[in-house]
Amino acid sequence: MNDINACNPKIIMDLEALNATNAQGCVACGRKFNLGDTAVLACGAWGSGSRYIHENEAVLDGRTSQYFERGYYMSLKAGT
């Protein structure tokens, strides 16, 4: 998904967003999105820029106000 809107980091899945993301599903947990799911634009270990993932799979970094995939964020924090 290369046309991600960085101005909208948190969305509720509607039909358009669902069609754009469900081919690969949530890269953080592997599940498909459902209508009405809350998703956030997050960075993670997948390495190809930010992607929408389920909100419960993300951590909001208070210092940068950016979402990170939970496991990736923990590994970054362990490295510091």
C-alpha atoms as a PDB file:
ATOM      1  CA  MET A   1       0.000   0.000   0.000  1.00  0.00           C
ATOM      2  CA  ASN A   2       2.005   2.923  -1.287  1.00  0.00           C
ATOM      3  CA  ASP A   3      -0.696   5.601  -1.251  1.00  0.00           C
ATOM      4  CA  ILE A   4      -1.010   5.876   2.525  1.00  0.00           C
ATOM      5  CA  ASN A   5      -2.206   9.223   3.838  1.00  0.00           C
ATOM      6  CA  ALA A   6       0.235  10.291   6.558  1.00  0.00           C
ATOM      7  CA  CYS A   7      -2.159  13.078   7.582  1.00  0.00           C
ATOM      8  CA  ASN A   8      -4.657  10.447   8.721  1.00  0.00           C
ATOM      9  CA  PRO A   9      -2.720   8.124  11.077  1.00  0.00           C
ATOM     10  CA  LYS A  10      -5.858   6.618  12.675  1.00  0.00           C
ATOM     11  CA  ILE A  11      -8.844   5.383  10.690  1.00  0.00           C
ATOM     12  CA  ILE A  12     -11.955   3.284  11.091  1.00  0.00           C
ATOM     13  CA  MET A  13     -12.046   0.689   8.325  1.00  0.00           C
ATOM     14  CA  ASP A  14     -14.656   1.529   5.727  1.00  0.00           C
ATOM     15  CA  LEU A  15     -15.237  -0.342   2.484  1.00  0.00           C
ATOM     16  CA  GLU A  16     -12.611   1.630   0.545  1.00  0.00           C
ATOM     17  CA  ALA A  17      -9.895   1.104   3.178  1.00  0.00           C
ATOM     18  CA  LEU A  18     -10.890  -2.535   3.556  1.00  0.00           C
ATOM     19  CA  ASN A  19     -10.517  -3.171  -0.174  1.00  0.00           C
ATOM     20  CA  ALA A  20      -7.121  -1.442  -0.201  1.00  0.00           C
ATOM     21  CA  THR A  21      -5.648  -3.338   2.759  1.00  0.00           C
ATOM     22  CA  ASN A  22      -7.224  -6.771   2.948  1.00  0.00           C
ATOM     23  CA  ALA A  23      -5.198  -8.385   0.167  1.00  0.00           C
ATOM     24  CA  GLN A  24      -2.329  -8.670   2.645  1.00  0.00           C
ATOM     25  CA  GLY A  25      -4.258  -8.096   5.884  1.00  0.00           C
ATOM     26  CA  CYS A  26      -2.660  -6.712   9.015  1.00  0.00           C
ATOM     27  CA  VAL A  27       1.109  -7.189   8.776  1.00  0.00           C
ATOM     28  CA  ALA A  28       1.425  -7.084  12.584  1.00  0.00           C
ATOM     29  CA  CYS A  29      -0.929  -9.952  13.460  1.00  0.00           C
ATOM     30  CA  GLY A  30      -1.762 -11.604  10.136  1.00  0.00           C
ATOM     31  CA  ARG A  31      -5.529 -11.229  10.557  1.00  0.00           C
ATOM     32  CA  LYS A  32      -7.787  -9.590   8.001  1.00  0.00           C
ATOM     33  CA  PHE A  33      -9.417  -6.259   8.776  1.00  0.00           C
ATOM     34  CA  ASN A  34     -13.183  -6.012   9.297  1.00  0.00           C
ATOM     35  CA  LEU A  35     -15.541  -3.115   8.689  1.00  0.00           C
ATOM     36  CA  GLY A  36     -15.414  -0.831  11.700  1.00  0.00           C
ATOM     37  CA  ASP A  37     -11.974  -1.972  12.929  1.00  0.00           C
ATOM     38  CA  THR A  38      -9.728   0.832  14.130  1.00  0.00           C
ATOM     39  CA  ALA A  39      -6.388   0.874  12.327  1.00  0.00           C
ATOM     40  CA  VAL A  40      -3.357   3.095  12.755  1.00  0.00           C
ATOM     41  CA  LEU A  41      -0.524   4.037  10.441  1.00  0.00           C
ATOM     42  CA  ALA A  42       2.539   2.470  12.069  1.00  0.00           C
ATOM     43  CA  CYS A  43       6.201   1.749  11.476  1.00  0.00           C
ATOM     44  CA  GLY A  44       7.480  -1.775  11.955  1.00  0.00           C
ATOM     45  CA  ALA A  45      10.083  -4.381  11.115  1.00  0.00           C
ATOM     46  CA  TRP A  46       8.554  -5.015   7.672  1.00  0.00           C
ATOM     47  CA  GLY A  47      10.862  -2.273   6.358  1.00  0.00           C
ATOM     48  CA  SER A  48       8.770  -0.831   3.538  1.00  0.00           C
ATOM     49  CA  GLY A  49       7.462   2.291   5.203  1.00  0.00           C
ATOM     50  CA  SER A  50       4.402   2.798   7.368  1.00  0.00           C
ATOM     51  CA  ARG A  51       1.368   0.554   7.035  1.00  0.00           C
ATOM     52  CA  TYR A  52      -2.059   0.341   8.587  1.00  0.00           C
ATOM     53  CA  ILE A  53      -2.271  -2.225  11.386  1.00  0.00           C
ATOM     54  CA  HIS A  54      -4.898  -2.995  14.043  1.00  0.00           C
ATOM     55  CA  GLU A  55      -4.779  -0.349  16.756  1.00  0.00           C
ATOM     56  CA  ASN A  56      -4.379  -2.957  19.514  1.00  0.00           C
ATOM     57  CA  GLU A  57      -1.169  -4.156  17.803  1.00  0.00           C
ATOM     58  CA  ALA A  58       0.383  -0.673  18.005  1.00  0.00           C
ATOM     59  CA  VAL A  59       2.054   1.569  20.572  1.00  0.00           C
ATOM     60  CA  LEU A  60       1.904   5.348  20.383  1.00  0.00           C
ATOM     61  CA  ASP A  61       5.293   6.838  21.220  1.00  0.00           C
ATOM     62  CA  GLY A  62       4.618   9.898  23.331  1.00  0.00           C
ATOM     63  CA  ARG A  63       7.903  11.551  22.413  1.00  0.00           C
ATOM     64  CA  THR A  64       7.406  11.411  18.639  1.00  0.00           C
ATOM     65  CA  SER A  65       3.577  11.061  18.484  1.00  0.00           C
ATOM     66  CA  GLN A  66       4.102   8.209  16.022  1.00  0.00           C
ATOM     67  CA  TYR A  67       2.661   4.702  16.100  1.00  0.00           C
ATOM     68  CA  PHE A  68       4.923   1.642  16.087  1.00  0.00           C
ATOM     69  CA  GLU A  69       4.117  -2.063  15.834  1.00  0.00           C
ATOM     70  CA  ARG A  70       4.227  -3.369  19.426  1.00  0.00           C
ATOM     71  CA  GLY A  71       7.050  -5.935  19.025  1.00  0.00           C
ATOM     72  CA  TYR A  72       9.158  -3.550  16.956  1.00  0.00           C
ATOM     73  CA  TYR A  73       8.731  -0.787  19.538  1.00  0.00           C
ATOM     74  CA  MET A  74       9.810  -3.108  22.360  1.00  0.00           C
ATOM     75  CA  SER A  75      12.924  -4.109  20.419  1.00  0.00           C
ATOM     76  CA  LEU A  76      13.773  -0.436  19.831  1.00  0.00           C
ATOM     77  CA  LYS A  77      13.345   0.319  23.535  1.00  0.00           C
ATOM     78  CA  ALA A  78      15.484  -2.700  24.517  1.00  0.00           C
ATOM     79  CA  GLY A  79      18.286  -1.422  22.277  1.00  0.00           C
ATOM     80  CA  THR A  80      18.527   1.946  24.007  1.00  0.00           C
END
